[in-house]
């Protein structure tokens, strides 16, 4: 199954969110139970949609 959020991969937004999740996981503040691509992709989608609404 392909990643439904592939359009966001490699974008600056993706990189920032991925780094933030990495930091939280390394600090034991977050435990991932879903593949990282889906977590980061979903958050990118939400942010992208909220920015589109504010235009």
C-alpha atoms as a PDB file:
ATOM      1  CA  UNK A   1       0.000   0.000   0.000  1.00  0.00           C
ATOM      2  CA  UNK A   2       1.399   3.402  -0.967  1.00  0.00           C
ATOM      3  CA  UNK A   3       1.608   6.328   1.382  1.00  0.00           C
ATOM      4  CA  UNK A   4      -1.439   8.589   0.854  1.00  0.00           C
ATOM      5  CA  UNK A   5       0.598  11.551   2.083  1.00  0.00           C
ATOM      6  CA  UNK A   6       3.463  11.177  -0.389  1.00  0.00           C
ATOM      7  CA  UNK A   7       2.850  14.663  -1.776  1.00  0.00           C
ATOM      8  CA  UNK A   8       4.222  16.115   1.454  1.00  0.00           C
ATOM      9  CA  UNK A   9       7.360  13.962   1.679  1.00  0.00           C
ATOM     10  CA  UNK A  10      10.569  15.946   1.322  1.00  0.00           C
ATOM     11  CA  UNK A  11       8.887  19.297   1.946  1.00  0.00           C
ATOM     12  CA  UNK A  12      10.177  21.685   4.614  1.00  0.00           C
ATOM     13  CA  UNK A  13       6.971  21.095   6.592  1.00  0.00           C
ATOM     14  CA  UNK A  14       7.547  17.320   6.512  1.00  0.00           C
ATOM     15  CA  UNK A  15      11.133  17.748   7.701  1.00  0.00           C
ATOM     16  CA  UNK A  16      10.171  19.985  10.642  1.00  0.00           C
ATOM     17  CA  UNK A  17       7.369  17.704  11.822  1.00  0.00           C
ATOM     18  CA  UNK A  18       9.544  14.613  11.416  1.00  0.00           C
ATOM     19  CA  UNK A  19      12.309  16.224  13.485  1.00  0.00           C
ATOM     20  CA  UNK A  20       9.827  17.189  16.185  1.00  0.00           C
ATOM     21  CA  UNK A  21       8.516  13.641  16.398  1.00  0.00           C
ATOM     22  CA  UNK A  22      12.084  12.302  16.491  1.00  0.00           C
ATOM     23  CA  UNK A  23      12.859  14.593  19.426  1.00  0.00           C
ATOM     24  CA  UNK A  24       9.738  13.486  21.319  1.00  0.00           C
ATOM     25  CA  UNK A  25      10.466   9.795  20.725  1.00  0.00           C
ATOM     26  CA  UNK A  26      14.103  10.152  21.804  1.00  0.00           C
ATOM     27  CA  UNK A  27      12.995  11.927  25.012  1.00  0.00           C
ATOM     28  CA  UNK A  28      10.461   9.152  25.696  1.00  0.00           C
ATOM     29  CA  UNK A  29       7.655  11.717  25.514  1.00  0.00           C
ATOM     30  CA  UNK A  30       5.973   9.882  22.646  1.00  0.00           C
ATOM     31  CA  UNK A  31       5.611   6.233  21.698  1.00  0.00           C
ATOM     32  CA  UNK A  32       4.800   5.538  18.069  1.00  0.00           C
ATOM     33  CA  UNK A  33       2.294   2.803  17.301  1.00  0.00           C
ATOM     34  CA  UNK A  34       1.701   3.874  13.699  1.00  0.00           C
ATOM     35  CA  UNK A  35       4.195   4.124  10.847  1.00  0.00           C
ATOM     36  CA  UNK A  36       6.031   7.438  10.910  1.00  0.00           C
ATOM     37  CA  UNK A  37       4.989   8.303   7.338  1.00  0.00           C
ATOM     38  CA  UNK A  38       1.336   8.268   8.353  1.00  0.00           C
ATOM     39  CA  UNK A  39       1.874  10.349  11.477  1.00  0.00           C
ATOM     40  CA  UNK A  40       3.928  13.024   9.719  1.00  0.00           C
ATOM     41  CA  UNK A  41       1.760  12.951   6.609  1.00  0.00           C
ATOM     42  CA  UNK A  42      -1.476  13.391   8.520  1.00  0.00           C
ATOM     43  CA  UNK A  43      -0.095  16.338  10.482  1.00  0.00           C
ATOM     44  CA  UNK A  44       1.167  17.914   7.236  1.00  0.00           C
ATOM     45  CA  UNK A  45      -2.294  17.457   5.711  1.00  0.00           C
ATOM     46  CA  UNK A  46      -3.996  19.116   8.696  1.00  0.00           C
ATOM     47  CA  UNK A  47      -1.622  22.075   8.660  1.00  0.00           C
ATOM     48  CA  UNK A  48      -1.927  22.431   4.899  1.00  0.00           C
ATOM     49  CA  UNK A  49      -5.737  22.415   5.108  1.00  0.00           C
ATOM     50  CA  UNK A  50      -5.795  24.967   7.929  1.00  0.00           C
ATOM     51  CA  UNK A  51      -3.516  27.278   5.976  1.00  0.00           C
ATOM     52  CA  UNK A  52      -5.743  26.991   2.903  1.00  0.00           C
ATOM     53  CA  UNK A  53      -8.808  27.967   4.958  1.00  0.00           C
ATOM     54  CA  UNK A  54      -7.108  31.073   6.316  1.00  0.00           C
ATOM     55  CA  UNK A  55      -6.317  32.441   2.827  1.00  0.00           C
END
